[in-house]
Protein backbone atom coordinates (compact mmCIF):
# COMPACT_ATOMS: atom_id res chain seq x y z
CA UNK A 1 -15.47 -12.62 -21.88
CA UNK A 2 -17.10 -9.34 -21.43
CA UNK A 3 -18.34 -7.55 -24.38
CA UNK A 4 -17.08 -4.24 -23.02
CA UNK A 5 -14.65 -2.01 -21.28
CA UNK A 6 -15.07 -2.66 -17.47
CA UNK A 7 -14.01 0.06 -14.94
CA UNK A 8 -12.09 0.13 -11.49
CA UNK A 9 -9.91 2.09 -9.38
CA UNK A 10 -6.69 1.94 -7.60
CA UNK A 11 -7.86 1.28 -4.33
CA UNK A 12 -8.25 4.28 -1.92
CA UNK A 13 -11.16 6.35 -1.26
CA UNK A 14 -11.81 9.18 0.68
CA UNK A 15 -13.27 7.92 3.92
CA UNK A 16 -16.76 9.54 5.29
CA UNK A 17 -17.17 11.90 7.95
CA UNK A 18 -18.80 9.78 10.09
CA UNK A 19 -15.93 7.13 10.12
CA UNK A 20 -13.47 9.63 10.10
CA UNK A 21 -14.62 10.81 13.83
CA UNK A 22 -14.40 7.20 14.73
CA UNK A 23 -10.90 7.15 13.35
CA UNK A 24 -9.92 9.90 15.22
CA UNK A 25 -11.47 8.84 18.31
CA UNK A 26 -9.53 5.35 17.77
CA UNK A 27 -6.28 7.53 18.03
CA UNK A 28 -6.96 9.35 20.93
CA UNK A 29 -6.87 8.81 24.42
CA UNK A 30 -10.35 7.54 24.89
CA UNK A 31 -10.70 5.16 22.13
CA UNK A 32 -13.87 3.71 21.37
CA UNK A 33 -14.48 -0.02 22.21
CA UNK A 34 -13.50 -2.71 19.91
CA UNK A 35 -16.93 -3.18 18.67
CA UNK A 36 -18.11 0.16 18.30
CA UNK A 37 -14.91 0.30 15.60
CA UNK A 38 -15.37 -2.94 14.12
CA UNK A 39 -19.36 -1.94 13.48
CA UNK A 40 -18.38 1.61 11.82
CA UNK A 41 -16.21 0.08 9.38
CA UNK A 42 -18.39 -2.56 8.19
CA UNK A 43 -21.07 0.14 7.38
CA UNK A 44 -18.49 2.69 5.85
CA UNK A 45 -17.58 -0.44 3.56
CA UNK A 46 -21.01 -1.36 2.87
CA UNK A 47 -21.97 2.01 1.95
CA UNK A 48 -18.95 2.68 -0.17
CA UNK A 49 -19.29 -0.50 -2.43
CA UNK A 50 -22.54 0.48 -2.97
CA UNK A 51 -21.70 3.99 -3.65
CA UNK A 52 -19.02 2.31 -6.57
CA UNK A 53 -21.71 0.01 -8.12
CA UNK A 54 -23.76 2.96 -8.57
CA UNK A 55 -21.94 5.27 -10.43
CA UNK A 56 -20.52 2.35 -12.51
CA UNK A 57 -17.48 0.84 -11.34
CA UNK A 58 -17.35 -3.05 -12.02
CA UNK A 59 -14.68 -4.08 -9.79
CA UNK A 60 -14.41 -2.56 -6.52
CA UNK A 61 -12.53 -2.26 -3.63
CA UNK A 62 -13.36 -1.48 0.37
CA UNK A 63 -11.72 1.65 -0.19
CA UNK A 64 -9.06 0.69 1.99
CA UNK A 65 -10.96 1.75 4.73
CA UNK A 66 -9.68 -1.32 6.89
CA UNK A 67 -5.85 0.04 6.61
CA UNK A 68 -5.57 2.49 9.73
CA UNK A 69 -1.85 4.19 8.74
CA UNK A 70 -1.99 4.34 4.91
CA UNK A 71 -1.71 2.42 1.94
CA UNK A 72 1.74 1.28 2.69
CA UNK A 73 2.60 1.18 6.33
CA UNK A 74 -0.46 -0.24 7.47
CA UNK A 75 1.53 -3.43 6.68
CA UNK A 76 3.93 -2.63 9.80
CA UNK A 77 1.61 -3.56 12.77
CA UNK A 78 0.88 -6.78 10.76
CA UNK A 79 4.36 -7.74 10.61
CA UNK A 80 7.15 -8.96 13.76
CA UNK A 81 11.06 -7.43 13.46
CA UNK A 82 9.93 -4.11 12.67
CA UNK A 83 10.39 -0.93 14.69
CA UNK A 84 10.80 2.86 14.45
CA UNK A 85 12.96 5.31 16.02
CA UNK A 86 13.84 8.96 15.30
CA UNK A 87 16.45 9.67 12.63
CA UNK A 88 19.92 10.90 13.93
CA UNK A 89 21.61 13.96 12.05
CA UNK A 90 23.45 11.63 9.86
CA UNK A 91 20.48 9.57 8.62
CA UNK A 92 18.31 13.31 8.52
CA UNK A 93 20.83 13.82 5.19
CA UNK A 94 20.60 10.30 3.98
CA UNK A 95 18.29 10.57 0.88
CA UNK A 96 18.02 6.43 1.45
CA UNK A 97 17.00 6.92 5.11
CA UNK A 98 14.33 9.35 4.88
CA UNK A 99 10.95 9.72 3.76
CA UNK A 100 11.57 13.49 2.02
CA UNK A 101 14.20 14.71 0.13
CA UNK A 102 14.46 14.15 -3.75
CA UNK A 103 14.93 16.69 -6.40
CA UNK A 104 11.61 17.88 -6.82
CA UNK A 105 11.81 19.13 -3.55
CA UNK A 106 15.43 20.93 -4.02
CA UNK A 107 14.19 22.20 -6.88
CA UNK A 108 10.78 23.73 -5.64
CA UNK A 109 11.29 24.21 -1.96
CA UNK A 110 8.96 27.25 -1.51
CA UNK A 111 6.23 25.06 -3.03
CA UNK A 112 6.92 22.21 -0.37
CA UNK A 113 7.33 23.82 2.55
CA UNK A 114 4.22 25.68 1.90
CA UNK A 115 2.37 22.24 1.33
CA UNK A 116 4.22 20.27 4.15
CA UNK A 117 2.72 23.06 6.50
CA UNK A 118 -0.42 22.58 5.12
CA UNK A 119 -0.92 18.93 5.19
CA UNK A 120 0.90 18.27 8.60
CA UNK A 121 3.18 16.36 6.96
CA UNK A 122 6.97 17.76 8.19
CA UNK A 123 6.25 15.94 11.82
CA UNK A 124 5.45 12.71 10.37
CA UNK A 125 8.56 12.22 8.77
CA UNK A 126 11.20 12.27 11.45
CA UNK A 127 11.21 8.52 12.30
CA UNK A 128 13.40 5.66 10.75
CA UNK A 129 11.84 1.73 10.65
CA UNK A 130 14.43 -0.64 11.46
CA UNK A 131 14.44 -4.41 11.19
CA UNK A 132 16.19 -5.87 14.03
CA UNK A 133 14.60 -9.16 14.39
CA UNK A 134 12.97 -12.05 11.86
CA UNK A 135 10.23 -10.75 9.86
CA UNK A 136 7.08 -12.72 10.00
CA UNK A 137 3.65 -12.00 9.25
CA UNK A 138 0.95 -11.77 12.51
CA UNK A 139 -1.74 -9.65 10.81
CA UNK A 140 -4.11 -12.61 10.17
CA UNK A 141 -6.75 -11.21 12.24
CA UNK A 142 -7.17 -7.78 10.80
CA UNK A 143 -6.72 -9.07 7.13
CA UNK A 144 -9.67 -11.57 7.41
CA UNK A 145 -11.59 -8.61 8.89
CA UNK A 146 -11.02 -6.65 5.78
CA UNK A 147 -11.70 -10.05 3.56
CA UNK A 148 -14.72 -10.68 5.66
CA UNK A 149 -15.81 -7.01 5.24
CA UNK A 150 -15.51 -6.44 1.21
CA UNK A 151 -17.07 -9.85 0.68
CA UNK A 152 -20.06 -9.28 3.22
CA UNK A 153 -20.47 -6.02 1.29
CA UNK A 154 -20.10 -7.33 -2.52
CA UNK A 155 -22.75 -9.58 -1.77
CA UNK A 156 -25.39 -7.10 -0.98
CA UNK A 157 -24.62 -5.37 -4.80
CA UNK A 158 -24.42 -6.46 -7.97
CA UNK A 159 -20.44 -6.00 -9.27
CA UNK A 160 -18.39 -7.91 -11.82
CA UNK A 161 -15.42 -8.64 -9.19
CA UNK A 162 -13.41 -7.31 -5.99
CA UNK A 163 -10.12 -6.40 -5.02
CA UNK A 164 -7.88 -5.76 -2.11
CA UNK A 165 -4.99 -3.34 -2.47
CA UNK A 166 -1.71 -4.54 -0.60
CA UNK A 167 1.85 -3.39 -0.73
CA UNK A 168 4.77 -4.19 -2.64
CA UNK A 169 8.12 -5.17 -0.87
CA UNK A 170 9.89 -1.93 -2.29
CA UNK A 171 6.88 0.29 -1.05
CA UNK A 172 6.49 -1.86 2.71
CA UNK A 173 10.04 -0.33 3.98
CA UNK A 174 11.39 1.28 1.42
CA UNK A 175 13.82 3.38 4.13
CA UNK A 176 14.28 1.06 6.62
CA UNK A 177 17.40 0.08 7.87
CA UNK A 178 18.31 -3.86 7.96
CA UNK A 179 19.53 -4.28 11.16
CA UNK A 180 19.21 -8.33 11.24
CA UNK A 181 19.59 -10.13 8.34
CA UNK A 182 23.13 -10.57 6.76
CA UNK A 183 22.40 -8.80 3.34
CA UNK A 184 19.98 -6.98 1.40
CA UNK A 185 18.58 -9.39 -0.30
CA UNK A 186 17.81 -11.61 2.50
CA UNK A 187 15.95 -8.77 4.35
CA UNK A 188 13.54 -8.38 1.31
CA UNK A 189 13.60 -11.95 0.29
CA UNK A 190 12.16 -12.38 3.94
CA UNK A 191 9.84 -9.63 3.71
CA UNK A 192 8.38 -10.78 0.33
CA UNK A 193 7.99 -14.46 2.27
CA UNK A 194 5.82 -12.77 4.78
CA UNK A 195 3.57 -10.74 2.18
CA UNK A 196 2.83 -13.93 0.42
CA UNK A 197 0.62 -14.93 3.16
CA UNK A 198 -1.30 -11.54 2.71
CA UNK A 199 -1.42 -11.86 -0.97
CA UNK A 200 -2.43 -15.82 -1.00
CA UNK A 201 -4.99 -15.12 1.67
CA UNK A 202 -6.74 -12.65 -0.30
CA UNK A 203 -7.11 -14.91 -3.54
CA UNK A 204 -7.83 -17.86 -1.42
CA UNK A 205 -11.27 -16.05 -0.67
CA UNK A 206 -12.10 -15.40 -4.04
CA UNK A 207 -10.68 -11.86 -4.34
CA UNK A 208 -8.32 -10.41 -6.68
CA UNK A 209 -4.99 -9.21 -5.03
CA UNK A 210 -3.53 -5.49 -6.42
CA UNK A 211 -0.25 -4.92 -5.52
CA UNK A 212 0.65 -1.38 -4.70
CA UNK A 213 4.02 -0.06 -5.51
CA UNK A 214 4.88 3.45 -5.70
CA UNK A 215 8.31 4.03 -3.98
CA UNK A 216 9.60 1.77 -7.03
CA UNK A 217 9.32 4.52 -9.46
CA UNK A 218 9.20 7.33 -6.87
CA UNK A 219 12.81 6.51 -5.42
CA UNK A 220 14.50 7.50 -8.59
CA UNK A 221 14.33 11.19 -7.89
CA UNK A 222 15.78 10.37 -4.45
CA UNK A 223 18.44 8.34 -5.66
CA UNK A 224 19.39 9.33 -9.29
CA UNK A 225 22.23 11.13 -9.00
CA UNK A 226 24.32 10.05 -6.97
CA UNK A 227 23.38 6.49 -8.32
CA UNK A 228 23.63 5.96 -11.90
CA UNK A 229 20.44 4.72 -14.05
CA UNK A 230 21.83 1.49 -14.14
CA UNK A 231 22.58 1.58 -10.38
CA UNK A 232 19.21 2.46 -9.64
CA UNK A 233 17.72 -0.27 -11.94
CA UNK A 234 19.84 -2.70 -10.09
CA UNK A 235 18.26 -1.51 -6.73
CA UNK A 236 14.72 -1.83 -8.58
CA UNK A 237 15.65 -5.08 -10.14
CA UNK A 238 16.33 -6.73 -6.41
CA UNK A 239 13.05 -5.47 -5.21
CA UNK A 240 10.85 -6.55 -8.52
CA UNK A 241 12.67 -10.20 -7.75
CA UNK A 242 11.56 -10.24 -4.28
CA UNK A 243 7.99 -9.53 -5.27
CA UNK A 244 7.94 -12.40 -7.90
CA UNK A 245 8.82 -14.67 -5.18
CA UNK A 246 6.27 -12.96 -2.76
CA UNK A 247 3.78 -13.89 -6.21
CA UNK A 248 4.97 -17.36 -6.53
CA UNK A 249 1.84 -19.93 -6.68
CA UNK A 250 -0.34 -17.10 -6.90
CA UNK A 251 -2.65 -17.53 -10.11
CA UNK A 252 -2.09 -14.26 -12.00
CA UNK A 253 -5.10 -13.93 -13.75
CA UNK A 254 -6.07 -12.76 -9.70
CA UNK A 255 -3.42 -10.19 -9.59
CA UNK A 256 -2.45 -6.89 -10.88
CA UNK A 257 0.59 -4.77 -10.32
CA UNK A 258 0.22 -0.58 -9.43
CA UNK A 259 3.14 1.53 -10.03
CA UNK A 260 2.57 5.62 -9.75
CA UNK A 261 5.23 8.37 -9.29
CA UNK A 262 3.60 9.42 -5.94
CA UNK A 263 -0.07 10.28 -4.96
CA UNK A 264 0.86 14.04 -4.17
CA UNK A 265 -0.14 16.70 -6.38
CA UNK A 266 3.33 18.87 -7.06
CA UNK A 267 5.22 19.48 -10.04
CA UNK A 268 7.08 16.05 -10.55
CA UNK A 269 9.36 17.57 -12.86
CA UNK A 270 12.04 14.74 -11.97
CA UNK A 271 10.03 11.69 -11.97
CA UNK A 272 11.40 8.59 -13.81
CA UNK A 273 10.61 8.31 -17.54
CA UNK A 274 8.42 5.23 -17.92
CA UNK A 275 10.97 4.02 -20.99
CA UNK A 276 13.36 3.73 -18.33
CA UNK A 277 11.68 1.19 -16.31
CA UNK A 278 8.84 -0.39 -18.48
CA UNK A 279 10.84 -3.83 -19.04
CA UNK A 280 11.27 -4.08 -15.24
CA UNK A 281 7.25 -3.31 -14.77
CA UNK A 282 6.78 -6.13 -17.14
CA UNK A 283 8.63 -8.54 -15.39
CA UNK A 284 5.97 -8.75 -12.38
CA UNK A 285 4.19 -12.01 -12.65
CA UNK A 286 0.96 -10.56 -12.68
CA UNK A 287 -2.26 -10.58 -14.74
CA UNK A 288 -2.57 -6.81 -15.27
CA UNK A 289 -0.56 -3.47 -14.86
CA UNK A 290 -1.93 -0.30 -13.69
CA UNK A 291 -0.43 3.19 -14.07
CA UNK A 292 -1.08 6.57 -14.52
CA UNK A 293 -1.72 7.74 -17.59
CA UNK A 294 -3.94 10.80 -17.02
CA UNK A 295 -1.03 12.59 -15.20
CA UNK A 296 -0.14 15.39 -17.25
CA UNK A 297 3.42 14.65 -16.53
CA UNK A 298 3.18 11.05 -18.18
CA UNK A 299 0.10 10.98 -20.94
CA UNK A 300 2.43 11.37 -23.65
CA UNK A 301 3.87 7.80 -22.44
CA UNK A 302 1.11 6.04 -23.99
CA UNK A 303 3.31 5.84 -27.03
CA UNK A 304 5.95 3.77 -24.74
CA UNK A 305 3.35 0.94 -23.76
CA UNK A 306 2.65 1.18 -27.88
CA UNK A 307 6.67 -0.02 -28.24
CA UNK A 308 7.19 -2.10 -25.18
CA UNK A 309 7.12 -5.96 -25.58
CA UNK A 310 3.79 -6.58 -23.49
CA UNK A 311 3.27 -10.40 -22.72
CA UNK A 312 0.46 -11.78 -24.48
CA UNK A 313 -3.17 -11.75 -22.80
CA UNK A 314 -1.89 -9.29 -19.86
CA UNK A 315 -4.23 -6.55 -19.23
CA UNK A 316 -3.55 -2.76 -19.24
CA UNK A 317 -5.61 -0.75 -16.25
CA UNK A 318 -4.42 2.96 -17.67
CA UNK A 319 -5.39 5.57 -15.36
CA UNK A 320 -7.91 7.69 -17.41
CA UNK A 321 -9.00 9.97 -14.56
CA UNK A 322 -6.43 11.90 -12.39
CA UNK A 323 -6.58 11.85 -8.81
CA UNK A 324 -4.56 14.78 -8.18
CA UNK A 325 -7.04 17.70 -9.77
CA UNK A 326 -10.34 18.73 -9.12
CA UNK A 327 -11.30 19.01 -12.50
CA UNK A 328 -13.45 16.11 -13.75
CA UNK A 329 -12.59 14.78 -17.07
CA UNK A 330 -15.06 14.67 -19.92
CA UNK A 331 -16.46 11.17 -20.77
CA UNK A 332 -15.45 11.75 -24.16
CA UNK A 333 -11.64 12.56 -23.11
CA UNK A 334 -11.91 9.22 -21.05
CA UNK A 335 -13.01 7.33 -24.50
CA UNK A 336 -10.29 8.70 -26.47
CA UNK A 337 -7.33 7.24 -23.94
CA UNK A 338 -9.50 3.94 -23.39
CA UNK A 339 -9.33 3.57 -27.35
CA UNK A 340 -5.87 4.51 -27.62
CA UNK A 341 -4.83 1.74 -25.44
CA UNK A 342 -7.36 -0.78 -26.69
CA UNK A 343 -5.69 -0.15 -30.15
CA UNK A 344 -2.14 -1.49 -28.30
CA UNK A 345 -3.39 -4.52 -26.41
CA UNK A 346 -7.08 -5.02 -27.72
CA UNK A 347 -10.42 -4.09 -26.62
CA UNK A 348 -10.46 -7.15 -24.65
CA UNK A 349 -7.82 -6.40 -22.35
CA UNK A 350 -7.91 -2.66 -21.20
CA UNK A 351 -9.95 -2.05 -18.34
CA UNK A 352 -10.69 1.79 -17.28
CA UNK A 353 -8.70 2.78 -13.75
CA UNK A 354 -7.84 5.84 -12.16
CA UNK A 355 -4.19 7.24 -11.85
CA UNK A 356 -3.85 6.56 -8.24
CA UNK A 357 -6.09 6.53 -4.90
CA UNK A 358 -8.11 9.46 -3.92
CA UNK A 359 -6.88 9.39 -0.54
CA UNK A 360 -3.34 8.26 0.69
CA UNK A 361 -4.48 7.82 4.13
CA UNK A 362 -7.91 8.08 6.46
CA UNK A 363 -6.95 12.00 6.91
CA UNK A 364 -5.41 13.02 3.64
CA UNK A 365 -7.79 13.23 0.62
CA UNK A 366 -6.42 14.55 -2.98
CA UNK A 367 -9.83 15.98 -4.13
CA UNK A 368 -13.51 16.50 -2.70
CA UNK A 369 -15.64 13.67 -1.95
CA UNK A 370 -18.04 14.46 -4.02
CA UNK A 371 -15.53 14.85 -7.13
CA UNK A 372 -14.21 11.57 -6.96
CA UNK A 373 -17.51 10.46 -7.24
CA UNK A 374 -18.14 12.66 -9.93
CA UNK A 375 -14.75 11.36 -11.79
CA UNK A 376 -15.70 7.90 -11.38
CA UNK A 377 -19.23 8.21 -12.93
CA UNK A 378 -17.60 10.07 -15.83
CA UNK A 379 -15.14 7.15 -16.31
CA UNK A 380 -18.02 4.71 -16.27
CA UNK A 381 -19.74 7.07 -19.04
CA UNK A 382 -16.35 7.31 -20.96
CA UNK A 383 -15.83 3.36 -20.86
CA UNK A 384 -19.36 3.04 -22.25
CA UNK A 385 -18.48 5.41 -25.21
CA UNK A 386 -15.30 3.60 -25.88
CA UNK A 387 -17.15 0.36 -25.77
CA UNK A 388 -19.82 1.35 -28.33
CA UNK A 389 -16.76 2.49 -30.34
CA UNK A 390 -14.72 -0.51 -30.23
CA UNK A 391 -17.47 -3.20 -30.56
CA UNK A 392 -19.57 -1.41 -33.18
CA UNK A 393 -16.42 -0.75 -35.18
CA UNK A 394 -15.77 -4.68 -35.05
CA UNK A 395 -19.14 -5.60 -35.99
């Protein structure tokens, strides 16, 4: 058992410039040979693991560098039965069919119009994913590459552990149209069975698996209204049931579950309250729960965890630094946040983490990379301050 609060993060880190050049070339009409890309990827992961260790991160990731598209949709190329096509005019008005929409966008159209132009996201949201054949996992080669790269990098440094983030059923195909399976449950459970292969392979390799599920909370603002809260909870429950199916047989101590309200920087005025979904979150059969707790729309909800029925021995991984602002949190503030959660589940069951990833995809970063490293370093210092207070107080 550790005699201090360990540190980690949600997984995605800003890609270094030299690796970004290779990624841009890989997406061009004249891509580099596969061995050039693979060598660049290995070097980038080795460097990012080394930097994590240097700033004081105990449980490291590969930065999600092996995921070519983004944190969720990378898995589409690792599955059969999934295709995409342009949205129809009817689907463009359906919140379940599109990746845009929602009450936040309706309330702040000028803001989102400006942001969509700045990020170039508008042109990337005009397609819909479709399931038109059996879903099977075929990404073994890419997955084993990611596992091997992370393990090799970890062997060259000194850290407490390592994890690979992967996607939950609710977030893998959040707006997909099912044109093959007889019903939604059959579709989601087939997806879960395919994702199980990815989860299990990571744990079998001696790593921790983190399941990312931003779309579970985020879809609330798209669905309610017209749905009622109960209808939304039923929608969410089916997807959590699918996730637990995907986790069957996997040791809980090597698993953790991350939820957030979406990583974009925006008003977030219509996020679902944590109190409306925390009981569903706690149904997920994992060893730890990662969530936003530094976000100014949600920091006050630490009190919800205080009142929740958290199963004994489960770990909390509260976000104690934000991915959405370039302001670097003071270590004393970080320590205060950690001590607060230690008072709920015990000091041995708290791991310092971030609200979300610092780069949603290779070309979409949330903060400047120098700021990202400063935040992680301050988080490590805050964890040391909290550890001294918690362990000295006990002594």
